[in-house]
Amino acid sequence: MKVIVECPGGRTTAVDVSDKYIAITENGIIIFGEFCAVQTWTRDQKPKKVTVIWE
């Protein structure tokens, strides 16, 4: 599974989340493993679009 996050300015980040968890809340997006956060985007970073792809 892959998550693609598009932010303002055309910046795009793709993360392989095959063995991770995803939390999408009103305050941001958190991708975390078994013990800690792997990647976060906060509301202040204003992510425009989140795509989740199951492969």
C-alpha atoms as a PDB file:
ATOM      1  CA  MET A   1       0.000   0.000   0.000  1.00  0.00           C
ATOM      2  CA  LYS A   2       1.241   3.502  -0.770  1.00  0.00           C
ATOM      3  CA  VAL A   3       0.194   6.961   0.472  1.00  0.00           C
ATOM      4  CA  ILE A   4       0.785  10.015  -1.702  1.00  0.00           C
ATOM      5  CA  VAL A   5       0.456  13.437  -0.057  1.00  0.00           C
ATOM      6  CA  GLU A   6       0.335  16.572  -2.207  1.00  0.00           C
ATOM      7  CA  CYS A   7       1.221  19.876  -0.517  1.00  0.00           C
ATOM      8  CA  PRO A   8       1.060  23.476  -1.761  1.00  0.00           C
ATOM      9  CA  GLY A   9       3.775  24.503  -4.185  1.00  0.00           C
ATOM     10  CA  GLY A  10       3.604  21.201  -6.058  1.00  0.00           C
ATOM     11  CA  ARG A  11       5.580  19.239  -3.464  1.00  0.00           C
ATOM     12  CA  THR A  12       4.513  15.584  -3.405  1.00  0.00           C
ATOM     13  CA  THR A  13       5.618  12.855  -1.002  1.00  0.00           C
ATOM     14  CA  ALA A  14       5.015   9.133  -1.558  1.00  0.00           C
ATOM     15  CA  VAL A  15       5.440   6.687   1.321  1.00  0.00           C
ATOM     16  CA  ASP A  16       5.297   2.882   1.207  1.00  0.00           C
ATOM     17  CA  VAL A  17       2.988   1.963   4.073  1.00  0.00           C
ATOM     18  CA  SER A  18       2.688  -1.776   3.495  1.00  0.00           C
ATOM     19  CA  ASP A  19       3.550  -2.573   7.107  1.00  0.00           C
ATOM     20  CA  LYS A  20       2.476   0.698   8.751  1.00  0.00           C
ATOM     21  CA  TYR A  21      -0.661   2.405  10.071  1.00  0.00           C
ATOM     22  CA  ILE A  22      -2.233   5.633   8.803  1.00  0.00           C
ATOM     23  CA  ALA A  23      -4.208   8.133  10.877  1.00  0.00           C
ATOM     24  CA  ILE A  24      -5.953  11.013   9.116  1.00  0.00           C
ATOM     25  CA  THR A  25      -7.526  13.531  11.490  1.00  0.00           C
ATOM     26  CA  GLU A  26      -8.635  17.149  11.386  1.00  0.00           C
ATOM     27  CA  ASN A  27      -5.205  18.129  12.756  1.00  0.00           C
ATOM     28  CA  GLY A  28      -3.028  16.240  10.287  1.00  0.00           C
ATOM     29  CA  ILE A  29      -1.827  12.966   8.834  1.00  0.00           C
ATOM     30  CA  ILE A  30       0.361  10.525  10.741  1.00  0.00           C
ATOM     31  CA  ILE A  31       2.011   7.402   9.375  1.00  0.00           C
ATOM     32  CA  PHE A  32       3.407   5.228  12.116  1.00  0.00           C
ATOM     33  CA  GLY A  33       5.032   1.870  12.634  1.00  0.00           C
ATOM     34  CA  GLU A  34       4.730  -0.429  15.587  1.00  0.00           C
ATOM     35  CA  PHE A  35       6.504   1.883  18.050  1.00  0.00           C
ATOM     36  CA  CYS A  36       6.839   5.407  16.606  1.00  0.00           C
ATOM     37  CA  ALA A  37       5.702   7.934  14.003  1.00  0.00           C
ATOM     38  CA  VAL A  38       7.405   7.542  10.638  1.00  0.00           C
ATOM     39  CA  GLN A  39       6.079  10.626   8.828  1.00  0.00           C
ATOM     40  CA  THR A  40       3.706  13.431   9.782  1.00  0.00           C
ATOM     41  CA  TRP A  41       1.981  16.332   8.051  1.00  0.00           C
ATOM     42  CA  THR A  42       0.289  18.900  10.251  1.00  0.00           C
ATOM     43  CA  ARG A  43      -2.630  21.170   9.508  1.00  0.00           C
ATOM     44  CA  ASP A  44      -0.136  24.079   9.253  1.00  0.00           C
ATOM     45  CA  GLN A  45       1.575  22.389   6.295  1.00  0.00           C
ATOM     46  CA  LYS A  46      -1.803  22.437   4.510  1.00  0.00           C
ATOM     47  CA  PRO A  47      -1.725  19.116   2.649  1.00  0.00           C
ATOM     48  CA  LYS A  48      -4.024  19.538  -0.367  1.00  0.00           C
ATOM     49  CA  LYS A  49      -4.675  15.944  -1.363  1.00  0.00           C
ATOM     50  CA  VAL A  50      -4.092  12.504   0.122  1.00  0.00           C
ATOM     51  CA  THR A  51      -4.236   9.410  -2.081  1.00  0.00           C
ATOM     52  CA  VAL A  52      -4.100   5.861  -0.734  1.00  0.00           C
ATOM     53  CA  ILE A  53      -3.241   3.151  -3.265  1.00  0.00           C
ATOM     54  CA  TRP A  54      -3.686  -0.526  -2.495  1.00  0.00           C
ATOM     55  CA  GLU A  55      -1.365  -2.610  -4.667  1.00  0.00           C
END
